[in-house]
């Protein structure tokens, strides 16, 4: 399959989500004739250019791994002036743009090559050249990524030009519930028959086949037709963002920290540990699910007992997909952040507590996350208080979180010391 459309797509960041979601779907749509990506690692830019702009991606289905060659794509380094000017030209011609960088902190940096400055320059040129309207998908796993990026970009544009720029662009939040990884062990890549990014590269992009991505509804005065049509527009993304953070992400983290505590390298390895998958499913459905269904009942079919149960079963199956080979290390990285007051584990506990729902399984996950931190002589309460800082005000809610995680830490130790019996049945009778 070759590029044959008339549209231009521009991406920022050349990682697994950019390559295996946005570029893959743009390529598959047949709507785009030009794919351009901003990437700041010179070796990556050089490798793709040396391969004629082609790169490989691996898509994990439930029963096999699909290998696909994508391209040609033009990689441009925004830190290099000539590359940056071509990138600005591409933005001026672009119909769809995506940002898939590590976090919203990467939107702003010093120098002319900063993401927000390049976008601002490209959008100004778009207005001057009367280029097409465009949408910008922000995929940084932040509920306010679009608003953050828009404020930075518009702030770089002269006041007298801002209205014209705003008329041709829409910044969209996304809910990207797509799991991915970047295997870098050459022996593993060869053994599994994965397609490397480039023939002489030491890494591979591996993503799951899931592509039901939710985006902010586009509100241009006249209709706007997306080239990537598989995405689903929603009037209000917040309920779905919370379902991802407090459901998908929280349960994924719970599994990862249990795996790390057991010395299991892969999430899929937990299928051999009695009761762990049952335990995670119960947490997902009875704690996260019960709270979210209470909070958002009738807003969407997802937030019903039947809808959320289907969501749970689909995600649990995907998390333990043996072809994805998701690692506990990847999912559990940065435990200090993931134990934050508003993040996936404590945040889910707080949501459940607010709705008077038992949240002790996620407390067990939080206790396992504490084990993943560097060793300390501090008590659980002191560790958590240090991580939360001023974000957790004194009061009944904070006390409840501290109490439950401290109790769960004792139960985690007991479960491990007792030879890891069937977790869900043991937990139900252990008096946590």
Protein backbone atom coordinates (compact mmCIF):
# COMPACT_ATOMS: atom_id res chain seq x y z
CA UNK A 1 0.00 0.00 0.00
CA UNK A 2 1.37 3.43 -0.95
CA UNK A 3 0.43 6.95 0.06
CA UNK A 4 -2.20 8.15 -2.37
CA UNK A 5 -4.34 10.81 -0.68
CA UNK A 6 -4.20 14.58 -0.86
CA UNK A 7 -4.01 15.46 2.84
CA UNK A 8 -0.98 16.19 5.02
CA UNK A 9 -0.46 14.71 8.47
CA UNK A 10 2.13 16.05 10.96
CA UNK A 11 3.16 14.39 14.20
CA UNK A 12 5.39 15.46 17.08
CA UNK A 13 7.39 12.68 18.69
CA UNK A 14 8.29 9.36 17.04
CA UNK A 15 7.39 6.77 19.65
CA UNK A 16 5.13 3.73 19.76
CA UNK A 17 1.84 5.68 19.96
CA UNK A 18 2.77 8.12 17.21
CA UNK A 19 3.98 5.35 14.93
CA UNK A 20 1.57 2.55 15.83
CA UNK A 21 -1.56 4.66 16.20
CA UNK A 22 -1.52 8.03 14.48
CA UNK A 23 0.84 7.31 11.58
CA UNK A 24 -0.49 3.77 11.15
CA UNK A 25 -4.12 4.95 11.01
CA UNK A 26 -3.27 7.89 8.75
CA UNK A 27 -1.47 5.49 6.41
CA UNK A 28 -4.29 2.92 6.48
CA UNK A 29 -6.95 5.58 5.81
CA UNK A 30 -5.68 6.27 2.30
CA UNK A 31 -6.53 9.95 2.84
CA UNK A 32 -2.99 11.26 3.24
CA UNK A 33 -0.31 11.82 0.65
CA UNK A 34 2.25 13.34 3.01
CA UNK A 35 3.32 12.14 6.47
CA UNK A 36 5.73 14.33 8.44
CA UNK A 37 7.08 13.82 11.97
CA UNK A 38 9.10 16.08 14.26
CA UNK A 39 11.76 14.05 16.11
CA UNK A 40 14.66 15.47 18.13
CA UNK A 41 16.92 12.37 18.29
CA UNK A 42 19.34 12.75 15.35
CA UNK A 43 20.17 9.02 15.15
CA UNK A 44 16.47 8.15 14.75
CA UNK A 45 15.99 10.80 12.05
CA UNK A 46 19.08 9.56 10.18
CA UNK A 47 18.04 5.89 10.40
CA UNK A 48 14.57 6.47 8.95
CA UNK A 49 15.92 8.73 6.23
CA UNK A 50 18.52 6.07 5.31
CA UNK A 51 15.66 3.58 5.00
CA UNK A 52 13.88 5.73 2.43
CA UNK A 53 11.45 7.11 5.00
CA UNK A 54 10.03 3.65 5.77
CA UNK A 55 9.65 2.21 9.26
CA UNK A 56 8.28 -0.97 10.77
CA UNK A 57 5.52 -1.43 13.33
CA UNK A 58 4.14 -4.58 15.00
CA UNK A 59 0.46 -4.87 15.94
CA UNK A 60 -0.43 -7.42 18.61
CA UNK A 61 -3.78 -9.11 17.96
CA UNK A 62 -5.26 -11.70 20.31
CA UNK A 63 -3.83 -14.60 18.30
CA UNK A 64 -0.93 -13.23 16.28
CA UNK A 65 1.35 -10.27 15.62
CA UNK A 66 0.82 -8.31 12.41
CA UNK A 67 3.92 -6.68 10.91
CA UNK A 68 3.53 -3.57 8.79
CA UNK A 69 5.86 -1.31 6.82
CA UNK A 70 4.69 2.32 6.99
CA UNK A 71 5.77 5.26 4.89
CA UNK A 72 7.37 7.01 3.36
CA UNK A 73 7.42 9.48 6.24
CA UNK A 74 9.57 12.59 6.42
CA UNK A 75 11.32 12.93 9.78
CA UNK A 76 12.45 16.47 10.58
CA UNK A 77 14.52 17.59 13.57
CA UNK A 78 13.05 20.88 14.86
CA UNK A 79 16.41 21.74 16.42
CA UNK A 80 17.94 22.00 12.92
CA UNK A 81 16.97 25.22 11.13
CA UNK A 82 16.44 23.74 7.65
CA UNK A 83 14.41 20.84 9.08
CA UNK A 84 12.40 23.24 11.21
CA UNK A 85 11.45 25.37 8.21
CA UNK A 86 10.22 22.30 6.31
CA UNK A 87 8.26 21.28 9.40
CA UNK A 88 6.63 24.72 9.62
CA UNK A 89 5.68 24.44 5.94
CA UNK A 90 4.14 21.03 6.59
CA UNK A 91 2.06 22.42 9.46
CA UNK A 92 0.83 25.19 7.16
CA UNK A 93 -0.44 22.47 4.79
CA UNK A 94 -1.60 20.00 7.44
CA UNK A 95 -5.17 18.84 7.95
CA UNK A 96 -4.43 16.75 11.05
CA UNK A 97 -1.62 17.05 13.61
CA UNK A 98 -0.82 14.96 16.67
CA UNK A 99 1.43 15.39 19.67
CA UNK A 100 2.64 12.17 21.29
CA UNK A 101 5.53 13.26 23.50
CA UNK A 102 6.36 11.95 27.00
CA UNK A 103 4.30 14.57 28.87
CA UNK A 104 2.84 18.07 28.59
CA UNK A 105 6.12 19.35 30.06
CA UNK A 106 7.66 18.68 26.63
CA UNK A 107 5.39 21.23 24.97
CA UNK A 108 7.67 24.06 26.08
CA UNK A 109 11.45 24.29 25.94
CA UNK A 110 14.09 26.90 25.27
CA UNK A 111 14.95 27.82 21.72
CA UNK A 112 13.23 28.14 18.37
CA UNK A 113 12.73 24.36 18.12
CA UNK A 114 10.30 24.18 21.03
CA UNK A 115 7.15 22.28 20.10
CA UNK A 116 4.85 25.17 20.92
CA UNK A 117 6.92 27.70 18.95
CA UNK A 118 7.10 25.47 15.87
CA UNK A 119 3.35 24.95 16.00
CA UNK A 120 2.74 28.67 16.40
CA UNK A 121 4.97 29.47 13.42
CA UNK A 122 3.27 26.82 11.31
CA UNK A 123 -0.23 28.02 12.17
CA UNK A 124 0.71 31.62 11.40
CA UNK A 125 2.05 30.49 8.03
CA UNK A 126 -1.15 28.50 7.46
CA UNK A 127 -3.23 31.68 7.84
CA UNK A 128 -0.90 33.66 5.60
CA UNK A 129 -0.95 30.94 2.90
CA UNK A 130 -4.68 30.29 3.32
CA UNK A 131 -3.95 26.69 4.13
CA UNK A 132 -6.59 24.17 5.23
CA UNK A 133 -8.20 24.10 8.65
CA UNK A 134 -6.67 21.53 10.97
CA UNK A 135 -7.18 19.66 14.23
CA UNK A 136 -4.45 18.85 16.75
CA UNK A 137 -4.79 15.60 18.73
CA UNK A 138 -2.96 15.82 22.08
CA UNK A 139 -2.03 12.33 23.33
CA UNK A 140 -0.07 13.06 26.50
CA UNK A 141 -2.38 11.27 28.97
CA UNK A 142 -3.38 14.53 30.64
CA UNK A 143 -6.99 15.63 31.07
CA UNK A 144 -6.13 19.21 30.05
CA UNK A 145 -3.40 18.62 27.47
CA UNK A 146 -5.29 20.41 24.69
CA UNK A 147 -5.97 23.48 26.81
CA UNK A 148 -2.35 23.57 27.98
CA UNK A 149 -0.96 23.36 24.45
CA UNK A 150 -3.43 25.88 23.07
CA UNK A 151 -2.50 28.46 25.72
CA UNK A 152 1.21 28.02 24.98
CA UNK A 153 0.79 28.21 21.21
CA UNK A 154 -1.59 31.16 21.15
CA UNK A 155 0.68 32.95 23.61
CA UNK A 156 3.43 32.86 20.97
CA UNK A 157 1.26 34.54 18.34
CA UNK A 158 0.94 38.35 18.05
CA UNK A 159 -2.37 39.64 19.44
CA UNK A 160 -3.53 40.95 16.10
CA UNK A 161 -3.14 37.49 14.49
CA UNK A 162 -4.66 35.35 17.24
CA UNK A 163 -8.27 35.46 16.07
CA UNK A 164 -7.32 34.38 12.55
CA UNK A 165 -5.23 31.49 13.88
CA UNK A 166 -7.96 30.36 16.26
CA UNK A 167 -10.40 30.23 13.33
CA UNK A 168 -8.38 27.57 11.50
CA UNK A 169 -7.36 25.19 14.30
CA UNK A 170 -8.97 23.11 17.04
CA UNK A 171 -6.95 21.56 19.87
CA UNK A 172 -8.45 18.23 20.91
CA UNK A 173 -8.05 16.14 24.04
CA UNK A 174 -7.88 12.38 23.54
CA UNK A 175 -8.44 9.22 25.52
CA UNK A 176 -5.84 6.82 24.14
CA UNK A 177 -6.57 3.48 25.77
CA UNK A 178 -3.99 1.72 23.58
CA UNK A 179 -1.17 -0.26 25.18
CA UNK A 180 2.26 -0.29 23.60
CA UNK A 181 5.95 -0.90 24.13
CA UNK A 182 9.34 -0.55 22.48
CA UNK A 183 11.32 -3.81 22.81
CA UNK A 184 15.03 -3.03 22.58
CA UNK A 185 16.68 -6.42 23.09
CA UNK A 186 17.98 -7.57 19.72
CA UNK A 187 17.77 -11.24 20.66
CA UNK A 188 14.13 -10.90 21.75
CA UNK A 189 13.23 -8.99 18.58
CA UNK A 190 14.80 -11.71 16.45
CA UNK A 191 13.36 -14.60 18.48
CA UNK A 192 9.83 -13.22 18.27
CA UNK A 193 10.18 -12.29 14.61
CA UNK A 194 9.33 -8.66 15.25
CA UNK A 195 9.87 -6.08 12.55
CA UNK A 196 12.50 -3.58 13.75
CA UNK A 197 11.87 0.13 13.27
CA UNK A 198 14.54 0.12 10.56
CA UNK A 199 16.58 -2.87 9.31
CA UNK A 200 19.72 -1.88 11.19
CA UNK A 201 17.90 -0.52 14.26
CA UNK A 202 18.01 -2.15 17.69
CA UNK A 203 14.40 -1.40 18.65
CA UNK A 204 10.89 -2.31 17.55
CA UNK A 205 7.50 -0.63 17.94
CA UNK A 206 4.89 -3.03 19.38
CA UNK A 207 1.30 -1.86 19.90
CA UNK A 208 -1.98 -3.63 20.48
CA UNK A 209 -4.57 -3.69 17.71
CA UNK A 210 -7.07 -1.61 19.72
CA UNK A 211 -7.89 1.68 17.96
CA UNK A 212 -11.17 2.92 19.52
CA UNK A 213 -9.72 6.31 20.46
CA UNK A 214 -11.98 9.01 21.89
CA UNK A 215 -11.48 12.68 21.03
CA UNK A 216 -13.09 16.03 21.83
CA UNK A 217 -15.98 16.86 19.49
CA UNK A 218 -14.78 19.22 16.74
CA UNK A 219 -16.71 22.50 16.73
CA UNK A 220 -15.73 24.30 13.52
CA UNK A 221 -18.65 26.44 12.23
CA UNK A 222 -18.67 24.45 8.99
CA UNK A 223 -18.27 20.66 8.98
CA UNK A 224 -14.75 19.28 9.14
CA UNK A 225 -14.06 15.81 7.76
CA UNK A 226 -11.26 13.88 9.39
CA UNK A 227 -8.95 11.71 7.32
CA UNK A 228 -8.50 9.40 10.32
CA UNK A 229 -12.13 8.40 10.70
CA UNK A 230 -11.77 5.56 13.24
CA UNK A 231 -11.59 8.03 16.17
CA UNK A 232 -14.84 8.71 18.04
CA UNK A 233 -15.89 12.26 18.98
CA UNK A 234 -17.48 12.92 22.39
CA UNK A 235 -19.12 16.06 23.75
CA UNK A 236 -17.56 15.55 27.19
CA UNK A 237 -14.37 13.52 27.53
CA UNK A 238 -13.97 13.85 31.31
CA UNK A 239 -15.99 10.72 32.25
CA UNK A 240 -13.98 8.65 29.78
CA UNK A 241 -10.70 10.17 30.94
CA UNK A 242 -11.58 9.16 34.50
CA UNK A 243 -12.54 5.68 33.33
CA UNK A 244 -9.10 5.37 31.76
CA UNK A 245 -7.18 6.75 34.77
CA UNK A 246 -9.22 5.21 37.58
CA UNK A 247 -10.13 2.03 35.72
CA UNK A 248 -7.69 1.04 32.99
CA UNK A 249 -4.54 2.72 34.36
CA UNK A 250 -5.28 1.88 38.00
CA UNK A 251 -5.85 -1.80 37.32
CA UNK A 252 -2.85 -2.03 35.00
CA UNK A 253 -0.71 -0.51 37.76
CA UNK A 254 -2.17 -2.86 40.38
CA UNK A 255 -1.17 -5.84 38.22
CA UNK A 256 2.27 -4.41 37.51
CA UNK A 257 3.17 -3.85 41.17
CA UNK A 258 1.96 -7.29 42.17
CA UNK A 259 4.08 -8.72 39.34
CA UNK A 260 7.11 -6.75 40.51
CA UNK A 261 6.59 -7.93 44.09
CA UNK A 262 6.56 -11.52 42.80
CA UNK A 263 9.52 -11.07 40.47
CA UNK A 264 7.37 -11.70 37.38
CA UNK A 265 8.72 -9.84 34.32
CA UNK A 266 5.50 -9.81 32.24
CA UNK A 267 1.92 -8.84 33.09
CA UNK A 268 0.84 -12.01 31.26
CA UNK A 269 2.92 -14.09 33.72
CA UNK A 270 0.34 -13.33 36.43
CA UNK A 271 -2.04 -15.82 34.83
CA UNK A 272 0.02 -18.54 36.54
CA UNK A 273 -0.44 -17.00 40.02
CA UNK A 274 -3.72 -18.22 41.53
CA UNK A 275 -6.39 -15.57 41.94
CA UNK A 276 -4.43 -12.49 40.85
CA UNK A 277 -6.40 -11.89 37.65
CA UNK A 278 -9.67 -12.51 39.56
CA UNK A 279 -8.50 -10.03 42.19
CA UNK A 280 -7.71 -7.37 39.55
CA UNK A 281 -11.03 -7.91 37.80
CA UNK A 282 -12.91 -7.53 41.09
CA UNK A 283 -11.03 -4.31 41.88
CA UNK A 284 -11.78 -2.95 38.41
CA UNK A 285 -15.46 -3.85 38.53
CA UNK A 286 -16.47 -3.53 42.21
CA UNK A 287 -14.31 -0.57 43.27
CA UNK A 288 -13.46 1.57 40.24
CA UNK A 289 -16.54 0.50 38.30
CA UNK A 290 -19.04 0.88 41.11
CA UNK A 291 -17.76 4.40 41.85
CA UNK A 292 -17.69 5.56 38.23
CA UNK A 293 -21.13 4.12 37.45
CA UNK A 294 -22.50 5.99 40.46
CA UNK A 295 -20.80 9.21 39.40
CA UNK A 296 -21.67 9.15 35.69
CA UNK A 297 -24.81 6.98 35.52
CA UNK A 298 -26.86 7.61 32.35
CA UNK A 299 -24.23 9.87 30.74
CA UNK A 300 -23.17 7.07 28.38
CA UNK A 301 -23.84 3.32 28.01
CA UNK A 302 -20.32 2.69 29.39
CA UNK A 303 -21.43 3.93 32.81
CA UNK A 304 -23.97 1.21 33.46
CA UNK A 305 -23.33 -2.12 35.25
CA UNK A 306 -23.54 -3.99 31.93
CA UNK A 307 -21.46 -1.47 29.98
CA UNK A 308 -18.71 -1.23 32.57
CA UNK A 309 -18.54 -5.02 32.99
CA UNK A 310 -17.93 -5.35 29.24
CA UNK A 311 -15.24 -2.64 29.48
CA UNK A 312 -13.56 -4.52 32.34
CA UNK A 313 -13.58 -7.89 30.59
CA UNK A 314 -12.22 -6.43 27.36
CA UNK A 315 -9.37 -4.62 29.11
CA UNK A 316 -8.36 -7.49 31.38
CA UNK A 317 -8.10 -9.73 28.32
CA UNK A 318 -6.02 -7.14 26.52
CA UNK A 319 -3.71 -6.52 29.49
CA UNK A 320 -2.68 -10.18 29.60
CA UNK A 321 -2.37 -10.60 25.82
CA UNK A 322 0.72 -12.85 25.45
CA UNK A 323 1.50 -11.35 22.04
CA UNK A 324 1.80 -7.85 23.52
CA UNK A 325 4.20 -9.10 26.22
CA UNK A 326 3.68 -5.98 28.31
CA UNK A 327 6.36 -5.78 31.00
CA UNK A 328 5.77 -5.07 34.67
CA UNK A 329 8.75 -2.75 34.62
CA UNK A 330 7.23 -0.58 31.87
CA UNK A 331 3.75 -0.42 33.38
CA UNK A 332 5.09 0.11 36.91
CA UNK A 333 7.74 2.70 36.13
CA UNK A 334 7.80 5.83 38.31
CA UNK A 335 5.88 4.43 41.31
CA UNK A 336 6.29 7.69 43.24
CA UNK A 337 4.23 9.51 40.61
CA UNK A 338 1.66 6.76 40.38
CA UNK A 339 1.16 6.91 44.14
CA UNK A 340 0.32 10.61 43.89
CA UNK A 341 -2.75 11.98 45.65
CA UNK A 342 -4.58 12.51 42.33
CA UNK A 343 -3.03 9.66 40.36
CA UNK A 344 -4.27 6.19 39.46
CA UNK A 345 -4.00 4.24 42.72
CA UNK A 346 -4.73 6.75 45.48
CA UNK A 347 -6.99 8.70 43.12
CA UNK A 348 -9.11 5.59 42.54
CA UNK A 349 -9.23 4.90 46.27
CA UNK A 350 -10.39 8.47 46.88
CA UNK A 351 -13.07 8.20 44.19
CA UNK A 352 -14.40 5.02 45.79
CA UNK A 353 -14.22 6.53 49.29
CA UNK A 354 -16.23 9.56 48.11
CA UNK A 355 -18.99 7.24 46.94
CA UNK A 356 -18.81 5.05 50.07
CA UNK A 357 -17.47 2.05 48.17
CA UNK A 358 -14.87 -0.40 49.46
CA UNK A 359 -11.47 0.38 47.90
CA UNK A 360 -9.24 -2.10 49.71
CA UNK A 361 -8.02 -3.99 46.62
CA UNK A 362 -6.53 -0.80 45.19
CA UNK A 363 -5.02 -0.19 48.63
CA UNK A 364 -3.29 -3.56 48.16
CA UNK A 365 -1.97 -2.30 44.82
CA UNK A 366 -0.75 0.91 46.47
CA UNK A 367 1.01 -1.17 49.13
CA UNK A 368 2.73 -3.17 46.39
CA UNK A 369 3.74 0.09 44.68
CA UNK A 370 5.45 1.20 47.89
CA UNK A 371 7.59 -1.96 47.73
CA UNK A 372 8.78 -0.80 44.29
CA UNK A 373 10.21 2.39 45.80
CA UNK A 374 13.78 2.53 47.15
CA UNK A 375 14.03 0.84 50.59
CA UNK A 376 13.36 3.11 53.57
CA UNK A 377 12.96 2.89 57.31
CA UNK A 378 9.94 5.21 57.16
CA UNK A 379 6.52 3.91 58.11
CA UNK A 380 3.90 3.65 55.34
CA UNK A 381 2.14 6.78 56.57
CA UNK A 382 5.37 8.78 56.49
CA UNK A 383 6.24 7.55 52.98
CA UNK A 384 2.87 8.50 51.58
CA UNK A 385 2.77 11.85 53.35
CA UNK A 386 6.14 12.65 51.80
CA UNK A 387 4.91 11.74 48.34
CA UNK A 388 1.70 13.74 48.65
CA UNK A 389 3.13 16.90 50.21
CA UNK A 390 0.62 19.75 50.33
CA UNK A 391 -1.73 18.13 47.79
CA UNK A 392 -3.35 15.99 50.52
CA UNK A 393 -5.02 18.26 53.10
CA UNK A 394 -5.45 16.92 56.64
CA UNK A 395 -8.81 15.36 57.30
CA UNK A 396 -10.90 12.21 57.20
CA UNK A 397 -10.13 11.43 53.54
CA UNK A 398 -6.37 11.56 54.04
CA UNK A 399 -6.62 9.53 57.23
CA UNK A 400 -8.68 6.87 55.44
CA UNK A 401 -6.12 6.55 52.63
CA UNK A 402 -3.24 6.21 55.09
CA UNK A 403 -5.09 3.67 57.20
CA UNK A 404 -6.08 1.44 54.29
CA UNK A 405 -2.67 1.40 52.61
CA UNK A 406 -0.91 0.69 55.92
CA UNK A 407 -3.29 -2.23 56.58
CA UNK A 408 -2.83 -3.49 53.01
CA UNK A 409 0.95 -3.43 53.42
CA UNK A 410 0.62 -5.87 56.33
CA UNK A 411 -1.66 -8.09 54.23
CA UNK A 412 0.69 -7.98 51.24
CA UNK A 413 3.56 -9.19 53.42
CA UNK A 414 1.37 -11.92 54.88
CA UNK A 415 0.22 -13.07 51.43
CA UNK A 416 3.80 -13.27 50.17
CA UNK A 417 5.04 -15.04 53.31
CA UNK A 418 2.20 -17.59 53.09
CA UNK A 419 3.22 -18.72 49.62
CA UNK A 420 0.81 -16.53 47.61
CA UNK A 421 -2.43 -18.51 47.99
CA UNK A 422 -5.36 -17.78 45.65
CA UNK A 423 -5.41 -14.02 46.06
CA UNK A 424 -9.08 -13.20 45.62
CA UNK A 425 -10.28 -16.02 47.90
CA UNK A 426 -7.54 -15.37 50.47
CA UNK A 427 -8.18 -11.64 50.43
CA UNK A 428 -11.87 -12.20 51.03
CA UNK A 429 -11.20 -14.10 54.27
CA UNK A 430 -8.00 -12.44 55.50
CA UNK A 431 -9.62 -9.58 57.37
CA UNK A 432 -8.04 -6.74 55.41
